[in-house]
PDB file of N, CA and C in Angstrom:
ATOM      1  N   UNK A   1     114.333 142.652 176.121  1.00  0.00           N
ATOM      2  CA  UNK A   1     112.845 142.926 176.782  1.00  0.00           C
ATOM      3  C   UNK A   1     112.468 141.156 177.013  1.00  0.00           C
ATOM      4  N   UNK A   2     111.889 140.473 178.291  1.00  0.00           N
ATOM      5  CA  UNK A   2     111.771 139.662 178.405  1.00  0.00           C
ATOM      6  C   UNK A   2     110.064 139.419 178.241  1.00  0.00           C
ATOM      7  N   UNK A   3     109.703 138.298 177.372  1.00  0.00           N
ATOM      8  CA  UNK A   3     108.429 138.450 176.937  1.00  0.00           C
ATOM      9  C   UNK A   3     107.791 136.915 177.240  1.00  0.00           C
ATOM     10  N   UNK A   4     108.480 136.539 178.531  1.00  0.00           N
ATOM     11  CA  UNK A   4     107.622 135.001 179.053  1.00  0.00           C
ATOM     12  C   UNK A   4     105.960 136.096 179.881  1.00  0.00           C
ATOM     13  N   UNK A   5     106.124 136.568 180.331  1.00  0.00           N
ATOM     14  CA  UNK A   5     104.441 137.053 180.823  1.00  0.00           C
ATOM     15  C   UNK A   5     103.450 137.175 179.580  1.00  0.00           C
ATOM     16  N   UNK A   6     104.248 137.856 178.496  1.00  0.00           N
ATOM     17  CA  UNK A   6     103.028 138.010 177.382  1.00  0.00           C
ATOM     18  C   UNK A   6     102.935 136.246 177.298  1.00  0.00           C
ATOM     19  N   UNK A   7     103.635 135.855 176.479  1.00  0.00           N
ATOM     20  CA  UNK A   7     104.125 134.204 176.252  1.00  0.00           C
ATOM     21  C   UNK A   7     103.088 133.392 177.111  1.00  0.00           C
ATOM     22  N   UNK A   8     103.110 133.065 178.542  1.00  0.00           N
ATOM     23  CA  UNK A   8     102.439 132.637 179.965  1.00  0.00           C
ATOM     24  C   UNK A   8     100.957 132.965 179.458  1.00  0.00           C
ATOM     25  N   UNK A   9     100.871 134.242 179.267  1.00  0.00           N
ATOM     26  CA  UNK A   9      99.676 134.721 179.059  1.00  0.00           C
ATOM     27  C   UNK A   9      98.752 134.606 178.024  1.00  0.00           C
ATOM     28  N   UNK A  10      99.305 134.415 176.695  1.00  0.00           N
ATOM     29  CA  UNK A  10      98.793 133.901 175.687  1.00  0.00           C
ATOM     30  C   UNK A  10      98.463 132.318 176.051  1.00  0.00           C
ATOM     31  N   UNK A  11      99.398 131.679 176.414  1.00  0.00           N
ATOM     32  CA  UNK A  11      99.386 129.908 176.513  1.00  0.00           C
ATOM     33  C   UNK A  11      98.253 130.028 177.345  1.00  0.00           C
ATOM     34  N   UNK A  12      98.299 130.372 178.837  1.00  0.00           N
ATOM     35  CA  UNK A  12      96.677 130.162 179.325  1.00  0.00           C
ATOM     36  C   UNK A  12      95.588 130.340 178.932  1.00  0.00           C
ATOM     37  N   UNK A  13      95.930 131.218 178.096  1.00  0.00           N
ATOM     38  CA  UNK A  13      94.143 131.879 177.691  1.00  0.00           C
ATOM     39  C   UNK A  13      94.073 130.911 176.623  1.00  0.00           C
ATOM     40  N   UNK A  14      95.207 130.687 175.774  1.00  0.00           N
ATOM     41  CA  UNK A  14      94.781 129.296 174.783  1.00  0.00           C
ATOM     42  C   UNK A  14      94.602 127.817 175.127  1.00  0.00           C
ATOM     43  N   UNK A  15      95.250 127.265 175.843  1.00  0.00           N
ATOM     44  CA  UNK A  15      94.848 126.193 176.770  1.00  0.00           C
ATOM     45  C   UNK A  15      93.657 125.903 177.093  1.00  0.00           C
ATOM     46  N   UNK A  16      93.739 126.600 178.037  1.00  0.00           N
ATOM     47  CA  UNK A  16      92.198 126.672 179.140  1.00  0.00           C
ATOM     48  C   UNK A  16      91.252 126.701 178.173  1.00  0.00           C
ATOM     49  N   UNK A  17      91.018 128.053 177.249  1.00  0.00           N
ATOM     50  CA  UNK A  17      90.166 127.438 176.517  1.00  0.00           C
ATOM     51  C   UNK A  17      89.360 126.247 175.429  1.00  0.00           C
ATOM     52  N   UNK A  18      90.796 125.970 175.191  1.00  0.00           N
ATOM     53  CA  UNK A  18      90.529 124.213 174.431  1.00  0.00           C
ATOM     54  C   UNK A  18      90.051 123.259 175.003  1.00  0.00           C
ATOM     55  N   UNK A  19      91.009 123.613 176.496  1.00  0.00           N
ATOM     56  CA  UNK A  19      90.604 122.144 177.392  1.00  0.00           C
ATOM     57  C   UNK A  19      89.289 122.422 178.005  1.00  0.00           C
ATOM     58  N   UNK A  20      88.640 123.220 178.217  1.00  0.00           N
ATOM     59  CA  UNK A  20      87.455 123.668 178.632  1.00  0.00           C
ATOM     60  C   UNK A  20      86.307 123.748 177.339  1.00  0.00           C
ATOM     61  N   UNK A  21      87.021 123.631 176.349  1.00  0.00           N
ATOM     62  CA  UNK A  21      85.759 123.605 175.121  1.00  0.00           C
ATOM     63  C   UNK A  21      85.632 122.087 174.736  1.00  0.00           C
ATOM     64  N   UNK A  22      87.487 121.661 174.764  1.00  0.00           N
ATOM     65  CA  UNK A  22      87.184 120.061 174.643  1.00  0.00           C
ATOM     66  C   UNK A  22      86.685 119.450 175.432  1.00  0.00           C
ATOM     67  N   UNK A  23      86.594 119.394 176.678  1.00  0.00           N
ATOM     68  CA  UNK A  23      86.381 118.510 177.795  1.00  0.00           C
ATOM     69  C   UNK A  23      84.419 119.053 177.582  1.00  0.00           C
ATOM     70  N   UNK A  24      84.089 119.843 177.351  1.00  0.00           N
ATOM     71  CA  UNK A  24      82.341 120.102 177.521  1.00  0.00           C
ATOM     72  C   UNK A  24      81.571 118.878 176.486  1.00  0.00           C
ATOM     73  N   UNK A  25      82.753 119.163 175.068  1.00  0.00           N
ATOM     74  CA  UNK A  25      81.939 118.366 173.693  1.00  0.00           C
ATOM     75  C   UNK A  25      82.678 117.050 173.836  1.00  0.00           C
ATOM     76  N   UNK A  26      83.307 116.316 175.130  1.00  0.00           N
ATOM     77  CA  UNK A  26      83.935 115.340 175.323  1.00  0.00           C
ATOM     78  C   UNK A  26      82.332 114.856 176.309  1.00  0.00           C
ATOM     79  N   UNK A  27      82.116 115.585 177.387  1.00  0.00           N
ATOM     80  CA  UNK A  27      81.086 115.384 178.393  1.00  0.00           C
ATOM     81  C   UNK A  27      79.215 115.255 177.536  1.00  0.00           C
ATOM     82  N   UNK A  28      79.222 116.222 176.564  1.00  0.00           N
ATOM     83  CA  UNK A  28      78.029 115.991 175.970  1.00  0.00           C
ATOM     84  C   UNK A  28      78.250 114.777 174.959  1.00  0.00           C
ATOM     85  N   UNK A  29      78.654 114.759 174.321  1.00  0.00           N
ATOM     86  CA  UNK A  29      79.190 113.548 173.947  1.00  0.00           C
ATOM     87  C   UNK A  29      79.139 111.817 174.050  1.00  0.00           C
ATOM     88  N   UNK A  30      79.576 112.252 175.192  1.00  0.00           N
ATOM     89  CA  UNK A  30      79.864 110.849 176.193  1.00  0.00           C
ATOM     90  C   UNK A  30      78.502 110.425 177.079  1.00  0.00           C
ATOM     91  N   UNK A  31      77.296 111.514 177.010  1.00  0.00           N
ATOM     92  CA  UNK A  31      76.633 111.136 177.881  1.00  0.00           C
ATOM     93  C   UNK A  31      75.806 110.070 176.844  1.00  0.00           C
ATOM     94  N   UNK A  32      75.905 110.803 175.428  1.00  0.00           N
ATOM     95  CA  UNK A  32      75.030 109.901 174.217  1.00  0.00           C
ATOM     96  C   UNK A  32      75.719 108.393 173.893  1.00  0.00           C
ATOM     97  N   UNK A  33      77.172 108.458 174.046  1.00  0.00           N
ATOM     98  CA  UNK A  33      78.101 107.396 174.246  1.00  0.00           C
ATOM     99  C   UNK A  33      78.081 106.138 174.869  1.00  0.00           C
ATOM    100  N   UNK A  34      78.099 106.689 176.397  1.00  0.00           N
ATOM    101  CA  UNK A  34      77.714 105.775 176.977  1.00  0.00           C
ATOM    102  C   UNK A  34      76.772 105.229 177.670  1.00  0.00           C
ATOM    103  N   UNK A  35      75.299 106.328 177.494  1.00  0.00           N
ATOM    104  CA  UNK A  35      73.940 105.449 177.023  1.00  0.00           C
ATOM    105  C   UNK A  35      73.809 104.194 176.109  1.00  0.00           C
ATOM    106  N   UNK A  36      74.438 104.513 174.911  1.00  0.00           N
ATOM    107  CA  UNK A  36      73.919 103.620 173.899  1.00  0.00           C
ATOM    108  C   UNK A  36      75.033 102.078 174.592  1.00  0.00           C
ATOM    109  N   UNK A  37      76.123 102.501 175.254  1.00  0.00           N
ATOM    110  CA  UNK A  37      76.627 101.365 175.487  1.00  0.00           C
ATOM    111  C   UNK A  37      76.473 100.867 176.757  1.00  0.00           C
ATOM    112  N   UNK A  38      75.383 101.463 177.911  1.00  0.00           N
ATOM    113  CA  UNK A  38      74.607 101.091 178.943  1.00  0.00           C
ATOM    114  C   UNK A  38      73.229 102.040 178.428  1.00  0.00           C
ATOM    115  N   UNK A  39      72.063 100.826 178.058  1.00  0.00           N
ATOM    116  CA  UNK A  39      70.895 101.428 177.805  1.00  0.00           C
ATOM    117  C   UNK A  39      70.305 101.404 178.876  1.00  0.00           C
ATOM    118  N   UNK A  40      70.804 100.537 179.616  1.00  0.00           N
ATOM    119  CA  UNK A  40      69.311 100.334 181.154  1.00  0.00           C
ATOM    120  C   UNK A  40      70.078 101.320 182.322  1.00  0.00           C
ATOM    121  N   UNK A  41      71.128 101.677 182.367  1.00  0.00           N
ATOM    122  CA  UNK A  41      71.143 102.061 183.538  1.00  0.00           C
ATOM    123  C   UNK A  41      72.304 103.695 183.316  1.00  0.00           C
ATOM    124  N   UNK A  42      71.305 105.037 183.226  1.00  0.00           N
ATOM    125  CA  UNK A  42      71.623 105.599 182.392  1.00  0.00           C
ATOM    126  C   UNK A  42      72.172 107.096 183.732  1.00  0.00           C
ATOM    127  N   UNK A  43      71.817 106.663 184.952  1.00  0.00           N
ATOM    128  CA  UNK A  43      72.119 107.074 186.450  1.00  0.00           C
ATOM    129  C   UNK A  43      73.853 106.882 186.069  1.00  0.00           C
ATOM    130  N   UNK A  44      74.293 105.519 185.838  1.00  0.00           N
ATOM    131  CA  UNK A  44      75.184 105.102 186.448  1.00  0.00           C
ATOM    132  C   UNK A  44      76.259 105.643 185.108  1.00  0.00           C
ATOM    133  N   UNK A  45      75.800 105.891 183.704  1.00  0.00           N
ATOM    134  CA  UNK A  45      76.361 106.379 182.949  1.00  0.00           C
ATOM    135  C   UNK A  45      76.470 108.057 182.829  1.00  0.00           C
ATOM    136  N   UNK A  46      75.434 108.604 183.664  1.00  0.00           N
ATOM    137  CA  UNK A  46      76.186 109.933 184.063  1.00  0.00           C
ATOM    138  C   UNK A  46      76.849 110.213 185.377  1.00  0.00           C
ATOM    139  N   UNK A  47      77.019 109.749 185.772  1.00  0.00           N
ATOM    140  CA  UNK A  47      77.910 109.762 186.936  1.00  0.00           C
ATOM    141  C   UNK A  47      79.283 108.550 186.482  1.00  0.00           C
ATOM    142  N   UNK A  48      79.497 108.078 185.216  1.00  0.00           N
ATOM    143  CA  UNK A  48      80.698 107.993 185.346  1.00  0.00           C
ATOM    144  C   UNK A  48      81.356 108.823 184.033  1.00  0.00           C
ATOM    145  N   UNK A  49      79.962 109.591 183.752  1.00  0.00           N
ATOM    146  CA  UNK A  49      80.780 110.632 182.135  1.00  0.00           C
ATOM    147  C   UNK A  49      81.334 111.877 183.155  1.00  0.00           C
ATOM    148  N   UNK A  50      80.615 112.168 184.874  1.00  0.00           N
ATOM    149  CA  UNK A  50      80.908 112.943 185.331  1.00  0.00           C
ATOM    150  C   UNK A  50      82.338 112.800 186.084  1.00  0.00           C
ATOM    151  N   UNK A  51      82.591 111.709 186.113  1.00  0.00           N
ATOM    152  CA  UNK A  51      84.037 111.468 187.021  1.00  0.00           C
ATOM    153  C   UNK A  51      84.770 111.547 185.681  1.00  0.00           C
ATOM    154  N   UNK A  52      84.754 111.071 184.757  1.00  0.00           N
ATOM    155  CA  UNK A  52      85.678 111.066 183.473  1.00  0.00           C
ATOM    156  C   UNK A  52      86.335 112.154 183.192  1.00  0.00           C
ATOM    157  N   UNK A  53      84.869 113.224 183.396  1.00  0.00           N
ATOM    158  CA  UNK A  53      84.896 114.922 183.492  1.00  0.00           C
ATOM    159  C   UNK A  53      86.238 115.585 184.290  1.00  0.00           C
ATOM    160  N   UNK A  54      85.867 115.812 185.610  1.00  0.00           N
ATOM    161  CA  UNK A  54      86.754 115.822 186.665  1.00  0.00           C
ATOM    162  C   UNK A  54      87.915 115.321 186.055  1.00  0.00           C
ATOM    163  N   UNK A  55      88.177 113.836 186.320  1.00  0.00           N
ATOM    164  CA  UNK A  55      89.703 113.470 185.921  1.00  0.00           C
ATOM    165  C   UNK A  55      90.096 114.408 184.966  1.00  0.00           C
ATOM    166  N   UNK A  56      89.197 114.642 183.673  1.00  0.00           N
ATOM    167  CA  UNK A  56      90.114 114.784 182.480  1.00  0.00           C
ATOM    168  C   UNK A  56      90.710 116.741 182.706  1.00  0.00           C
ATOM    169  N   UNK A  57      89.612 117.253 183.332  1.00  0.00           N
ATOM    170  CA  UNK A  57      89.989 119.159 183.700  1.00  0.00           C
ATOM    171  C   UNK A  57      91.140 118.631 184.863  1.00  0.00           C
ATOM    172  N   UNK A  58      91.358 118.359 186.371  1.00  0.00           N
ATOM    173  CA  UNK A  58      92.375 118.159 186.664  1.00  0.00           C
ATOM    174  C   UNK A  58      93.437 117.290 186.063  1.00  0.00           C
ATOM    175  N   UNK A  59      93.702 116.319 185.396  1.00  0.00           N
ATOM    176  CA  UNK A  59      94.723 116.010 185.021  1.00  0.00           C
ATOM    177  C   UNK A  59      95.626 117.209 183.534  1.00  0.00           C
ATOM    178  N   UNK A  60      94.461 117.813 182.856  1.00  0.00           N
ATOM    179  CA  UNK A  60      95.103 118.340 181.856  1.00  0.00           C
ATOM    180  C   UNK A  60      94.929 119.918 182.624  1.00  0.00           C
ATOM    181  N   UNK A  61      94.337 120.681 183.492  1.00  0.00           N
ATOM    182  CA  UNK A  61      94.685 121.337 183.295  1.00  0.00           C
ATOM    183  C   UNK A  61      96.384 121.389 184.120  1.00  0.00           C
ATOM    184  N   UNK A  62      95.783 120.681 185.482  1.00  0.00           N
ATOM    185  CA  UNK A  62      97.301 119.988 185.599  1.00  0.00           C
ATOM    186  C   UNK A  62      98.672 120.311 185.073  1.00  0.00           C
ATOM    187  N   UNK A  63      98.399 119.238 184.263  1.00  0.00           N
ATOM    188  CA  UNK A  63      99.253 119.378 183.207  1.00  0.00           C
ATOM    189  C   UNK A  63     100.209 120.555 182.784  1.00  0.00           C
ATOM    190  N   UNK A  64      99.147 121.095 182.194  1.00  0.00           N
ATOM    191  CA  UNK A  64      98.844 122.566 181.746  1.00  0.00           C
ATOM    192  C   UNK A  64      99.813 123.539 182.558  1.00  0.00           C
ATOM    193  N   UNK A  65      99.392 123.841 183.410  1.00  0.00           N
ATOM    194  CA  UNK A  65     100.425 124.722 184.847  1.00  0.00           C
ATOM    195  C   UNK A  65     101.464 124.228 184.808  1.00  0.00           C
ATOM    196  N   UNK A  66     101.727 123.037 184.984  1.00  0.00           N
ATOM    197  CA  UNK A  66     103.022 122.416 185.503  1.00  0.00           C
ATOM    198  C   UNK A  66     103.656 122.190 183.779  1.00  0.00           C
ATOM    199  N   UNK A  67     103.350 122.762 182.952  1.00  0.00           N
ATOM    200  CA  UNK A  67     104.595 122.572 181.961  1.00  0.00           C
ATOM    201  C   UNK A  67     105.393 123.860 181.594  1.00  0.00           C
ATOM    202  N   UNK A  68     103.820 125.182 182.171  1.00  0.00           N
ATOM    203  CA  UNK A  68     104.890 126.479 182.807  1.00  0.00           C
ATOM    204  C   UNK A  68     105.924 126.804 183.444  1.00  0.00           C
ATOM    205  N   UNK A  69     106.344 125.660 184.360  1.00  0.00           N
ATOM    206  CA  UNK A  69     107.976 125.694 184.873  1.00  0.00           C
ATOM    207  C   UNK A  69     109.206 125.446 183.835  1.00  0.00           C
ATOM    208  N   UNK A  70     108.965 124.631 182.829  1.00  0.00           N
ATOM    209  CA  UNK A  70     110.103 124.206 181.686  1.00  0.00           C
ATOM    210  C   UNK A  70     110.424 125.521 180.760  1.00  0.00           C
ATOM    211  N   UNK A  71     109.728 126.644 180.997  1.00  0.00           N
ATOM    212  CA  UNK A  71     110.197 127.314 179.893  1.00  0.00           C
ATOM    213  C   UNK A  71     111.509 128.223 180.202  1.00  0.00           C
ATOM    214  N   UNK A  72     112.087 128.360 179.048  1.00  0.00           N
ATOM    215  CA  UNK A  72     113.372 129.338 179.391  1.00  0.00           C
ATOM    216  C   UNK A  72     112.838 131.143 178.924  1.00  0.00           C
ATOM    217  N   UNK A  73     114.140 131.552 179.482  1.00  0.00           N
ATOM    218  CA  UNK A  73     113.547 133.162 178.914  1.00  0.00           C
ATOM    219  C   UNK A  73     113.106 133.166 177.810  1.00  0.00           C
ATOM    220  N   UNK A  74     112.364 133.785 177.118  1.00  0.00           N
ATOM    221  CA  UNK A  74     112.078 133.847 175.995  1.00  0.00           C
ATOM    222  C   UNK A  74     112.582 135.798 175.383  1.00  0.00           C
ATOM    223  N   UNK A  75     113.314 136.002 174.516  1.00  0.00           N
ATOM    224  CA  UNK A  75     114.035 136.969 174.079  1.00  0.00           C
ATOM    225  C   UNK A  75     113.421 137.776 172.696  1.00  0.00           C
ATOM    226  N   UNK A  76     112.850 137.046 171.734  1.00  0.00           N
ATOM    227  CA  UNK A  76     112.522 137.255 170.518  1.00  0.00           C
ATOM    228  C   UNK A  76     110.801 137.004 170.026  1.00  0.00           C
ATOM    229  N   UNK A  77     110.295 137.494 169.764  1.00  0.00           N
ATOM    230  CA  UNK A  77     109.246 137.265 169.048  1.00  0.00           C
ATOM    231  C   UNK A  77     108.864 135.789 168.664  1.00  0.00           C
ATOM    232  N   UNK A  78     110.044 135.365 167.784  1.00  0.00           N
ATOM    233  CA  UNK A  78     110.232 134.207 166.636  1.00  0.00           C
ATOM    234  C   UNK A  78     110.305 133.004 168.011  1.00  0.00           C
ATOM    235  N   UNK A  79     110.766 133.427 168.825  1.00  0.00           N
ATOM    236  CA  UNK A  79     111.131 132.513 170.019  1.00  0.00           C
ATOM    237  C   UNK A  79     109.782 132.025 171.113  1.00  0.00           C
ATOM    238  N   UNK A  80     108.820 133.174 170.663  1.00  0.00           N
ATOM    239  CA  UNK A  80     108.152 133.268 171.862  1.00  0.00           C
ATOM    240  C   UNK A  80     106.648 132.223 170.865  1.00  0.00           C
ATOM    241  N   UNK A  81     106.821 132.224 169.651  1.00  0.00           N
ATOM    242  CA  UNK A  81     105.772 131.946 168.522  1.00  0.00           C
ATOM    243  C   UNK A  81     106.439 130.696 168.859  1.00  0.00           C
ATOM    244  N   UNK A  82     107.890 129.736 168.627  1.00  0.00           N
ATOM    245  CA  UNK A  82     108.413 128.673 168.616  1.00  0.00           C
ATOM    246  C   UNK A  82     107.364 127.750 169.734  1.00  0.00           C
ATOM    247  N   UNK A  83     108.370 128.511 170.976  1.00  0.00           N
ATOM    248  CA  UNK A  83     108.024 128.080 172.245  1.00  0.00           C
ATOM    249  C   UNK A  83     106.632 127.759 172.360  1.00  0.00           C
ATOM    250  N   UNK A  84     105.718 128.855 172.326  1.00  0.00           N
ATOM    251  CA  UNK A  84     103.879 128.927 172.288  1.00  0.00           C
ATOM    252  C   UNK A  84     103.912 127.363 171.601  1.00  0.00           C
ATOM    253  N   UNK A  85     103.676 127.670 170.188  1.00  0.00           N
ATOM    254  CA  UNK A  85     103.057 126.498 169.345  1.00  0.00           C
ATOM    255  C   UNK A  85     103.614 125.007 169.960  1.00  0.00           C
ATOM    256  N   UNK A  86     104.872 124.790 170.561  1.00  0.00           N
ATOM    257  CA  UNK A  86     105.104 123.490 170.447  1.00  0.00           C
ATOM    258  C   UNK A  86     104.768 123.789 171.839  1.00  0.00           C
ATOM    259  N   UNK A  87     103.799 123.887 172.741  1.00  0.00           N
ATOM    260  CA  UNK A  87     103.637 123.518 174.270  1.00  0.00           C
ATOM    261  C   UNK A  87     102.261 123.614 174.081  1.00  0.00           C
ATOM    262  N   UNK A  88     101.174 123.980 173.187  1.00  0.00           N
ATOM    263  CA  UNK A  88     100.081 124.176 172.919  1.00  0.00           C
ATOM    264  C   UNK A  88      99.823 122.967 172.284  1.00  0.00           C
ATOM    265  N   UNK A  89     100.880 122.254 170.768  1.00  0.00           N
ATOM    266  CA  UNK A  89     100.597 121.449 170.461  1.00  0.00           C
ATOM    267  C   UNK A  89     100.759 120.122 171.252  1.00  0.00           C
ATOM    268  N   UNK A  90     101.461 119.973 172.596  1.00  0.00           N
ATOM    269  CA  UNK A  90     102.013 118.982 173.461  1.00  0.00           C
ATOM    270  C   UNK A  90     100.607 118.848 173.878  1.00  0.00           C
ATOM    271  N   UNK A  91      99.896 119.991 174.597  1.00  0.00           N
ATOM    272  CA  UNK A  91      98.250 119.940 175.277  1.00  0.00           C
ATOM    273  C   UNK A  91      97.371 119.094 174.438  1.00  0.00           C
ATOM    274  N   UNK A  92      97.317 119.833 172.748  1.00  0.00           N
ATOM    275  CA  UNK A  92      96.492 119.249 172.062  1.00  0.00           C
ATOM    276  C   UNK A  92      96.586 117.710 171.316  1.00  0.00           C
ATOM    277  N   UNK A  93      97.891 117.702 171.365  1.00  0.00           N
ATOM    278  CA  UNK A  93      98.012 115.738 171.464  1.00  0.00           C
ATOM    279  C   UNK A  93      97.649 115.084 172.303  1.00  0.00           C
ATOM    280  N   UNK A  94      98.031 115.344 173.441  1.00  0.00           N
ATOM    281  CA  UNK A  94      97.758 115.078 175.188  1.00  0.00           C
ATOM    282  C   UNK A  94      96.116 114.427 174.523  1.00  0.00           C
ATOM    283  N   UNK A  95      95.547 115.585 174.499  1.00  0.00           N
ATOM    284  CA  UNK A  95      93.682 115.727 175.158  1.00  0.00           C
ATOM    285  C   UNK A  95      93.647 114.599 173.809  1.00  0.00           C
ATOM    286  N   UNK A  96      94.058 114.743 173.047  1.00  0.00           N
ATOM    287  CA  UNK A  96      93.618 113.534 171.746  1.00  0.00           C
ATOM    288  C   UNK A  96      94.070 112.217 172.203  1.00  0.00           C
ATOM    289  N   UNK A  97      95.276 111.795 172.711  1.00  0.00           N
ATOM    290  CA  UNK A  97      95.825 110.587 173.024  1.00  0.00           C
ATOM    291  C   UNK A  97      94.621 110.072 174.280  1.00  0.00           C
ATOM    292  N   UNK A  98      94.366 110.887 175.586  1.00  0.00           N
ATOM    293  CA  UNK A  98      93.497 110.676 176.331  1.00  0.00           C
ATOM    294  C   UNK A  98      91.827 110.125 176.039  1.00  0.00           C
ATOM    295  N   UNK A  99      91.582 111.078 175.183  1.00  0.00           N
ATOM    296  CA  UNK A  99      90.166 111.066 174.103  1.00  0.00           C
ATOM    297  C   UNK A  99      90.219 109.279 173.528  1.00  0.00           C
ATOM    298  N   UNK A 100      91.262 109.108 172.903  1.00  0.00           N
ATOM    299  CA  UNK A 100      91.074 107.780 172.573  1.00  0.00           C
ATOM    300  C   UNK A 100      91.445 106.932 173.410  1.00  0.00           C
ATOM    301  N   UNK A 101      92.240 107.155 174.749  1.00  0.00           N
ATOM    302  CA  UNK A 101      92.576 106.235 175.462  1.00  0.00           C
ATOM    303  C   UNK A 101      91.611 105.972 176.095  1.00  0.00           C
ATOM    304  N   UNK A 102      90.180 106.128 176.318  1.00  0.00           N
ATOM    305  CA  UNK A 102      89.386 106.553 177.221  1.00  0.00           C
ATOM    306  C   UNK A 102      88.298 105.619 176.719  1.00  0.00           C
ATOM    307  N   UNK A 103      87.985 106.295 175.003  1.00  0.00           N
ATOM    308  CA  UNK A 103      87.020 105.441 174.480  1.00  0.00           C
ATOM    309  C   UNK A 103      87.697 104.146 174.152  1.00  0.00           C
ATOM    310  N   UNK A 104      88.718 103.644 173.844  1.00  0.00           N
ATOM    311  CA  UNK A 104      89.131 101.939 173.782  1.00  0.00           C
ATOM    312  C   UNK A 104      89.340 101.342 174.760  1.00  0.00           C
ATOM    313  N   UNK A 105      88.914 102.028 175.922  1.00  0.00           N
ATOM    314  CA  UNK A 105      89.590 100.803 177.728  1.00  0.00           C
ATOM    315  C   UNK A 105      87.631 101.331 178.155  1.00  0.00           C
ATOM    316  N   UNK A 106      87.052 102.255 177.830  1.00  0.00           N
ATOM    317  CA  UNK A 106      85.965 102.284 178.087  1.00  0.00           C
ATOM    318  C   UNK A 106      85.346 101.314 177.159  1.00  0.00           C
ATOM    319  N   UNK A 107      85.041 101.295 175.710  1.00  0.00           N
ATOM    320  CA  UNK A 107      84.275  99.967 175.057  1.00  0.00           C
ATOM    321  C   UNK A 107      84.487  98.765 175.283  1.00  0.00           C
ATOM    322  N   UNK A 108      86.030  98.753 175.965  1.00  0.00           N
ATOM    323  CA  UNK A 108      86.259  97.518 176.046  1.00  0.00           C
ATOM    324  C   UNK A 108      85.844  97.135 177.623  1.00  0.00           C
ATOM    325  N   UNK A 109      85.600  97.760 178.315  1.00  0.00           N
ATOM    326  CA  UNK A 109      84.958  97.392 180.366  1.00  0.00           C
ATOM    327  C   UNK A 109      83.495  96.839 179.603  1.00  0.00           C
ATOM    328  N   UNK A 110      83.035  98.052 178.973  1.00  0.00           N
ATOM    329  CA  UNK A 110      81.297  97.451 178.647  1.00  0.00           C
ATOM    330  C   UNK A 110      81.137  96.341 177.685  1.00  0.00           C
ATOM    331  N   UNK A 111      81.896  95.823 176.859  1.00  0.00           N
ATOM    332  CA  UNK A 111      81.715  94.649 176.190  1.00  0.00           C
ATOM    333  C   UNK A 111      81.928  93.558 177.219  1.00  0.00           C
ATOM    334  N   UNK A 112      83.307  93.762 178.386  1.00  0.00           N
ATOM    335  CA  UNK A 112      83.597  92.645 179.144  1.00  0.00           C
ATOM    336  C   UNK A 112      82.401  92.392 179.953  1.00  0.00           C
ATOM    337  N   UNK A 113      81.599  93.712 180.054  1.00  0.00           N
ATOM    338  CA  UNK A 113      80.567  93.272 180.725  1.00  0.00           C
ATOM    339  C   UNK A 113      79.232  92.664 180.709  1.00  0.00           C
ATOM    340  N   UNK A 114      79.217  93.077 179.243  1.00  0.00           N
ATOM    341  CA  UNK A 114      77.860  92.622 178.701  1.00  0.00           C
ATOM    342  C   UNK A 114      78.141  91.252 178.412  1.00  0.00           C
ATOM    343  N   UNK A 115      79.248  90.562 178.599  1.00  0.00           N
ATOM    344  CA  UNK A 115      79.389  88.992 178.010  1.00  0.00           C
ATOM    345  C   UNK A 115      79.069  88.361 179.434  1.00  0.00           C
TER     346      UNK A 115
END
């Protein structure tokens, strides 16, 4: 029995929910973070935050969909669980890495602008 369709469905639901939820949380908190870094120009902060959110969604949804093409045929439930967990873990780790990467560079860029 080919379990790929079931695995694809579970993967798309879990990663889609995770990407959207994390994006919304980072967007809402990003507004606060950006306005603390640049208190004089809230309109600029909102535009940067919107641009970051769009880039975040494009990159992560694109990667999640691209990751589907490399899956082998799944024959057992154990194999499906292993493949799902490894692919979902990669998405979650990449989300965390992108978040910290953005925080580092935005903070560094804003500090350089203030000097």
